[in-house]
Amino acid sequence: MTAAKLFNAKIHDKANMDEFSGEIVCSIQDLPMVIPRGNYSLDFYPNFARLHGKTRDYKINFKDISQIIMLEKPDGIHMVYVLHLSTPLRQGLTMHPFVAFNFGVEREENV
């Protein structure tokens, strides 16, 4: 192994960069979000979930989820799925201790 490859391997080990190279368990595309606002794709890995949007990416460790709540919206058409995180997502100076997904009641996904 060359010195460059050894150095690269040490950086990957220390930065835990190999986590994103794991197998995706399932994925949901074009998921409307309430918090943070926008459309994101949600990829599930064995130990975490990854939100991928047009301008931002977030990683949510499953161990950081402290509470899950499902709420029905008054319109009867949508449900909001809320995750309470012990380690909030950060967007600039704004901290998001909650993540809210907006699902249509009639929406079906193939995973």
N, C-alpha and C. Protein backbone atom coordinates (compact mmCIF):
# COMPACT_ATOMS: atom_id res chain seq x y z
N MET A 1 0.86 -1.17 0.00
CA MET A 1 0.00 0.00 0.00
C MET A 1 0.90 1.24 0.00
N THR A 2 0.61 2.15 -0.90
CA THR A 2 1.40 3.36 -0.99
C THR A 2 1.09 4.29 0.17
N ALA A 3 1.94 5.27 0.37
CA ALA A 3 1.75 6.23 1.46
C ALA A 3 0.48 7.05 1.26
N ALA A 4 0.16 7.39 0.01
CA ALA A 4 -1.05 8.16 -0.26
C ALA A 4 -2.31 7.37 0.07
N LYS A 5 -2.33 6.08 -0.28
CA LYS A 5 -3.49 5.24 0.03
C LYS A 5 -3.64 5.02 1.53
N LEU A 6 -2.51 4.86 2.23
CA LEU A 6 -2.54 4.70 3.68
C LEU A 6 -3.06 5.97 4.35
N PHE A 7 -2.59 7.12 3.89
CA PHE A 7 -3.05 8.40 4.42
C PHE A 7 -4.55 8.58 4.17
N ASN A 8 -5.00 8.26 2.97
CA ASN A 8 -6.43 8.35 2.63
C ASN A 8 -7.27 7.42 3.51
N ALA A 9 -6.81 6.21 3.75
CA ALA A 9 -7.54 5.26 4.59
C ALA A 9 -7.65 5.77 6.03
N LYS A 10 -6.58 6.38 6.55
CA LYS A 10 -6.62 6.92 7.91
C LYS A 10 -7.60 8.08 8.02
N ILE A 11 -7.64 8.94 7.01
CA ILE A 11 -8.59 10.06 7.02
C ILE A 11 -10.02 9.55 7.00
N HIS A 12 -10.30 8.56 6.16
CA HIS A 12 -11.65 7.98 6.08
C HIS A 12 -12.06 7.34 7.40
N ASP A 13 -11.10 6.65 8.06
CA ASP A 13 -11.41 6.02 9.34
C ASP A 13 -11.70 7.05 10.42
N LYS A 14 -10.90 8.09 10.51
CA LYS A 14 -11.08 9.11 11.54
C LYS A 14 -12.33 9.95 11.32
N ALA A 15 -12.69 10.22 10.07
CA ALA A 15 -13.83 11.09 9.75
C ALA A 15 -15.13 10.31 9.61
N ASN A 16 -15.09 8.99 9.77
CA ASN A 16 -16.27 8.14 9.58
C ASN A 16 -16.94 8.39 8.24
N MET A 17 -16.15 8.55 7.20
CA MET A 17 -16.68 8.84 5.87
C MET A 17 -17.22 7.59 5.19
N ASP A 18 -16.92 6.42 5.70
CA ASP A 18 -17.37 5.19 5.07
C ASP A 18 -18.84 4.91 5.32
N GLU A 19 -19.48 5.62 6.25
CA GLU A 19 -20.87 5.35 6.56
C GLU A 19 -21.78 5.59 5.36
N PHE A 20 -21.50 6.60 4.53
CA PHE A 20 -22.36 6.89 3.40
C PHE A 20 -22.17 5.90 2.27
N SER A 21 -21.11 5.12 2.31
CA SER A 21 -20.89 4.17 1.23
C SER A 21 -21.59 2.84 1.48
N GLY A 22 -22.33 2.71 2.58
CA GLY A 22 -23.06 1.48 2.89
C GLY A 22 -24.24 1.29 1.96
N GLU A 23 -24.89 0.16 2.13
CA GLU A 23 -26.04 -0.18 1.30
C GLU A 23 -27.28 0.60 1.75
N ILE A 24 -28.01 1.15 0.80
CA ILE A 24 -29.28 1.81 1.10
C ILE A 24 -30.32 0.71 1.30
N VAL A 25 -31.00 0.75 2.46
CA VAL A 25 -32.03 -0.23 2.76
C VAL A 25 -33.28 0.09 1.96
N CYS A 26 -33.72 1.36 1.98
CA CYS A 26 -34.83 1.79 1.14
C CYS A 26 -34.72 3.30 0.93
N SER A 27 -35.49 3.81 -0.03
CA SER A 27 -35.42 5.21 -0.39
C SER A 27 -36.81 5.71 -0.76
N ILE A 28 -37.12 6.94 -0.33
CA ILE A 28 -38.37 7.61 -0.69
C ILE A 28 -37.99 8.90 -1.39
N GLN A 29 -38.49 9.10 -2.60
CA GLN A 29 -38.14 10.28 -3.40
C GLN A 29 -39.22 11.34 -3.30
N ASP A 30 -38.83 12.60 -3.47
CA ASP A 30 -39.75 13.76 -3.52
C ASP A 30 -40.72 13.77 -2.34
N LEU A 31 -40.18 13.73 -1.16
CA LEU A 31 -40.97 13.74 0.06
C LEU A 31 -41.13 15.19 0.53
N PRO A 32 -42.38 15.70 0.59
CA PRO A 32 -42.56 17.08 1.07
C PRO A 32 -42.32 17.17 2.57
N MET A 33 -41.51 18.15 2.97
CA MET A 33 -41.15 18.33 4.37
C MET A 33 -41.73 19.64 4.88
N VAL A 34 -42.15 19.63 6.15
CA VAL A 34 -42.61 20.84 6.81
C VAL A 34 -41.43 21.49 7.53
N ILE A 35 -40.64 20.69 8.26
CA ILE A 35 -39.44 21.17 8.95
C ILE A 35 -38.32 20.20 8.63
N PRO A 36 -37.23 20.60 8.05
CA PRO A 36 -36.97 21.82 7.29
C PRO A 36 -37.82 21.82 6.02
N ARG A 37 -38.17 22.97 5.57
CA ARG A 37 -39.11 23.13 4.48
C ARG A 37 -38.49 22.78 3.14
N GLY A 38 -39.26 22.11 2.30
CA GLY A 38 -38.81 21.76 0.96
C GLY A 38 -39.13 20.31 0.63
N ASN A 39 -38.70 19.89 -0.55
CA ASN A 39 -38.83 18.49 -0.98
C ASN A 39 -37.49 17.81 -0.83
N TYR A 40 -37.47 16.66 -0.18
CA TYR A 40 -36.24 15.93 0.08
C TYR A 40 -36.42 14.48 -0.35
N SER A 41 -35.31 13.83 -0.65
CA SER A 41 -35.34 12.38 -0.78
C SER A 41 -34.81 11.82 0.54
N LEU A 42 -35.42 10.75 0.99
CA LEU A 42 -35.08 10.15 2.27
C LEU A 42 -34.51 8.77 2.00
N ASP A 43 -33.24 8.58 2.34
CA ASP A 43 -32.55 7.30 2.14
C ASP A 43 -32.29 6.68 3.50
N PHE A 44 -32.68 5.43 3.67
CA PHE A 44 -32.46 4.70 4.91
C PHE A 44 -31.26 3.78 4.77
N TYR A 45 -30.33 3.89 5.70
CA TYR A 45 -29.17 3.02 5.81
C TYR A 45 -29.35 2.19 7.08
N PRO A 46 -28.51 1.21 7.34
CA PRO A 46 -28.71 0.38 8.54
C PRO A 46 -28.69 1.15 9.87
N ASN A 47 -27.90 2.22 9.99
CA ASN A 47 -27.77 2.93 11.27
C ASN A 47 -28.25 4.37 11.25
N PHE A 48 -28.62 4.88 10.09
CA PHE A 48 -29.01 6.28 9.99
C PHE A 48 -29.89 6.49 8.77
N ALA A 49 -30.48 7.68 8.70
CA ALA A 49 -31.24 8.10 7.52
C ALA A 49 -30.59 9.36 6.98
N ARG A 50 -30.68 9.55 5.68
CA ARG A 50 -30.08 10.72 5.04
C ARG A 50 -31.16 11.47 4.29
N LEU A 51 -31.29 12.75 4.59
CA LEU A 51 -32.19 13.64 3.86
C LEU A 51 -31.36 14.37 2.82
N HIS A 52 -31.77 14.29 1.58
CA HIS A 52 -31.04 14.95 0.50
C HIS A 52 -31.99 15.92 -0.20
N GLY A 53 -31.69 17.22 -0.10
CA GLY A 53 -32.49 18.24 -0.76
C GLY A 53 -31.72 18.91 -1.86
N LYS A 54 -32.30 19.96 -2.43
CA LYS A 54 -31.64 20.69 -3.51
C LYS A 54 -30.42 21.45 -3.02
N THR A 55 -30.50 21.99 -1.80
CA THR A 55 -29.40 22.81 -1.30
C THR A 55 -28.72 22.24 -0.07
N ARG A 56 -29.35 21.32 0.64
CA ARG A 56 -28.79 20.81 1.88
C ARG A 56 -28.95 19.30 1.99
N ASP A 57 -28.01 18.70 2.73
CA ASP A 57 -28.07 17.28 3.08
C ASP A 57 -28.00 17.17 4.60
N TYR A 58 -28.77 16.26 5.16
CA TYR A 58 -28.77 16.03 6.60
C TYR A 58 -28.61 14.54 6.86
N LYS A 59 -27.97 14.24 7.97
CA LYS A 59 -27.83 12.86 8.41
C LYS A 59 -28.51 12.75 9.77
N ILE A 60 -29.43 11.80 9.91
CA ILE A 60 -30.15 11.58 11.16
C ILE A 60 -29.78 10.19 11.66
N ASN A 61 -29.03 10.15 12.76
CA ASN A 61 -28.71 8.87 13.39
C ASN A 61 -29.96 8.35 14.09
N PHE A 62 -30.22 7.06 13.95
CA PHE A 62 -31.40 6.49 14.59
C PHE A 62 -31.33 6.60 16.11
N LYS A 63 -30.12 6.57 16.67
CA LYS A 63 -29.98 6.69 18.12
C LYS A 63 -30.33 8.08 18.62
N ASP A 64 -30.35 9.09 17.73
CA ASP A 64 -30.69 10.46 18.10
C ASP A 64 -32.20 10.72 18.11
N ILE A 65 -33.00 9.78 17.63
CA ILE A 65 -34.46 9.96 17.62
C ILE A 65 -34.99 9.60 19.00
N SER A 66 -35.55 10.60 19.69
CA SER A 66 -36.04 10.34 21.04
C SER A 66 -37.55 10.13 21.09
N GLN A 67 -38.29 10.63 20.10
CA GLN A 67 -39.73 10.47 20.09
C GLN A 67 -40.25 10.56 18.66
N ILE A 68 -41.30 9.79 18.36
CA ILE A 68 -41.94 9.80 17.05
C ILE A 68 -43.43 10.02 17.26
N ILE A 69 -43.99 10.99 16.55
CA ILE A 69 -45.41 11.33 16.69
C ILE A 69 -46.02 11.38 15.30
N MET A 70 -47.22 10.80 15.13
CA MET A 70 -47.95 10.92 13.87
C MET A 70 -49.22 11.71 14.15
N LEU A 71 -49.41 12.80 13.42
CA LEU A 71 -50.55 13.70 13.60
C LEU A 71 -51.37 13.77 12.33
N GLU A 72 -52.68 13.79 12.49
CA GLU A 72 -53.56 13.97 11.34
C GLU A 72 -53.85 15.46 11.18
N LYS A 73 -53.68 15.97 9.96
CA LYS A 73 -53.99 17.37 9.71
C LYS A 73 -55.50 17.55 9.60
N PRO A 74 -56.00 18.75 9.92
CA PRO A 74 -57.46 18.99 9.89
C PRO A 74 -58.10 18.80 8.53
N ASP A 75 -57.33 18.88 7.44
CA ASP A 75 -57.92 18.72 6.11
C ASP A 75 -58.32 17.27 5.81
N GLY A 76 -57.83 16.32 6.60
CA GLY A 76 -58.17 14.91 6.40
C GLY A 76 -57.46 14.27 5.23
N ILE A 77 -56.64 15.01 4.52
CA ILE A 77 -55.93 14.50 3.35
C ILE A 77 -54.47 14.17 3.67
N HIS A 78 -53.90 14.85 4.66
CA HIS A 78 -52.49 14.71 4.98
C HIS A 78 -52.28 14.24 6.42
N MET A 79 -51.16 13.57 6.61
CA MET A 79 -50.67 13.19 7.93
C MET A 79 -49.27 13.78 8.07
N VAL A 80 -48.93 14.22 9.28
CA VAL A 80 -47.59 14.73 9.54
C VAL A 80 -46.90 13.76 10.48
N TYR A 81 -45.72 13.33 10.10
CA TYR A 81 -44.91 12.40 10.87
C TYR A 81 -43.77 13.21 11.46
N VAL A 82 -43.72 13.36 12.78
CA VAL A 82 -42.77 14.23 13.45
C VAL A 82 -41.75 13.39 14.21
N LEU A 83 -40.46 13.70 14.01
CA LEU A 83 -39.38 13.08 14.77
C LEU A 83 -38.80 14.11 15.72
N HIS A 84 -38.69 13.77 16.99
CA HIS A 84 -38.01 14.64 17.95
C HIS A 84 -36.59 14.12 18.09
N LEU A 85 -35.61 14.99 17.83
CA LEU A 85 -34.21 14.59 17.81
C LEU A 85 -33.50 15.10 19.06
N SER A 86 -32.70 14.25 19.68
CA SER A 86 -31.90 14.69 20.82
C SER A 86 -30.73 15.56 20.36
N THR A 87 -30.22 15.32 19.17
CA THR A 87 -29.21 16.17 18.55
C THR A 87 -29.86 16.86 17.37
N PRO A 88 -30.21 18.16 17.49
CA PRO A 88 -30.97 18.82 16.42
C PRO A 88 -30.17 18.97 15.13
N LEU A 89 -30.90 19.02 14.02
CA LEU A 89 -30.28 19.33 12.73
C LEU A 89 -29.93 20.80 12.72
N ARG A 90 -28.85 21.12 12.07
CA ARG A 90 -28.40 22.51 12.03
C ARG A 90 -28.47 23.03 10.61
N GLN A 91 -29.08 24.20 10.46
CA GLN A 91 -29.17 24.87 9.16
C GLN A 91 -28.70 26.30 9.38
N GLY A 92 -27.41 26.54 9.18
CA GLY A 92 -26.84 27.84 9.50
C GLY A 92 -26.87 28.05 11.00
N LEU A 93 -27.49 29.13 11.47
CA LEU A 93 -27.63 29.38 12.90
C LEU A 93 -28.93 28.80 13.47
N THR A 94 -29.78 28.25 12.61
CA THR A 94 -31.05 27.69 13.04
C THR A 94 -30.87 26.22 13.41
N MET A 95 -31.41 25.87 14.58
CA MET A 95 -31.38 24.48 15.03
C MET A 95 -32.79 23.90 14.88
N HIS A 96 -32.88 22.69 14.35
CA HIS A 96 -34.16 22.02 14.15
C HIS A 96 -34.22 20.79 15.04
N PRO A 97 -34.80 20.90 16.26
CA PRO A 97 -34.93 19.71 17.12
C PRO A 97 -36.04 18.77 16.65
N PHE A 98 -36.88 19.24 15.73
CA PHE A 98 -37.95 18.42 15.18
C PHE A 98 -37.80 18.35 13.67
N VAL A 99 -38.14 17.20 13.11
CA VAL A 99 -38.19 17.00 11.67
C VAL A 99 -39.62 16.55 11.39
N ALA A 100 -40.29 17.21 10.44
CA ALA A 100 -41.69 16.89 10.15
C ALA A 100 -41.86 16.55 8.68
N PHE A 101 -42.35 15.34 8.43
CA PHE A 101 -42.63 14.85 7.08
C PHE A 101 -44.12 14.99 6.82
N ASN A 102 -44.48 15.42 5.63
CA ASN A 102 -45.88 15.59 5.26
C ASN A 102 -46.26 14.48 4.27
N PHE A 103 -47.14 13.58 4.69
CA PHE A 103 -47.56 12.46 3.84
C PHE A 103 -49.02 12.63 3.46
N GLY A 104 -49.34 12.32 2.23
CA GLY A 104 -50.74 12.21 1.83
C GLY A 104 -51.29 10.89 2.34
N VAL A 105 -52.52 10.90 2.84
CA VAL A 105 -53.13 9.68 3.39
C VAL A 105 -53.22 8.60 2.30
N GLU A 106 -53.51 9.00 1.08
CA GLU A 106 -53.70 8.04 -0.02
C GLU A 106 -52.40 7.68 -0.72
N ARG A 107 -51.27 8.30 -0.37
CA ARG A 107 -50.00 8.06 -1.06
C ARG A 107 -49.45 6.69 -0.72
N GLU A 108 -49.04 5.97 -1.74
CA GLU A 108 -48.40 4.67 -1.55
C GLU A 108 -47.00 4.73 -2.15
N GLU A 109 -46.07 4.06 -1.50
CA GLU A 109 -44.69 4.01 -1.96
C GLU A 109 -44.24 2.57 -2.11
N ASN A 110 -43.48 2.30 -3.13
CA ASN A 110 -42.83 1.00 -3.28
C ASN A 110 -41.42 1.11 -2.75
N VAL A 111 -41.12 0.26 -1.77
CA VAL A 111 -39.77 0.27 -1.20
C VAL A 111 -39.14 -1.08 -1.36
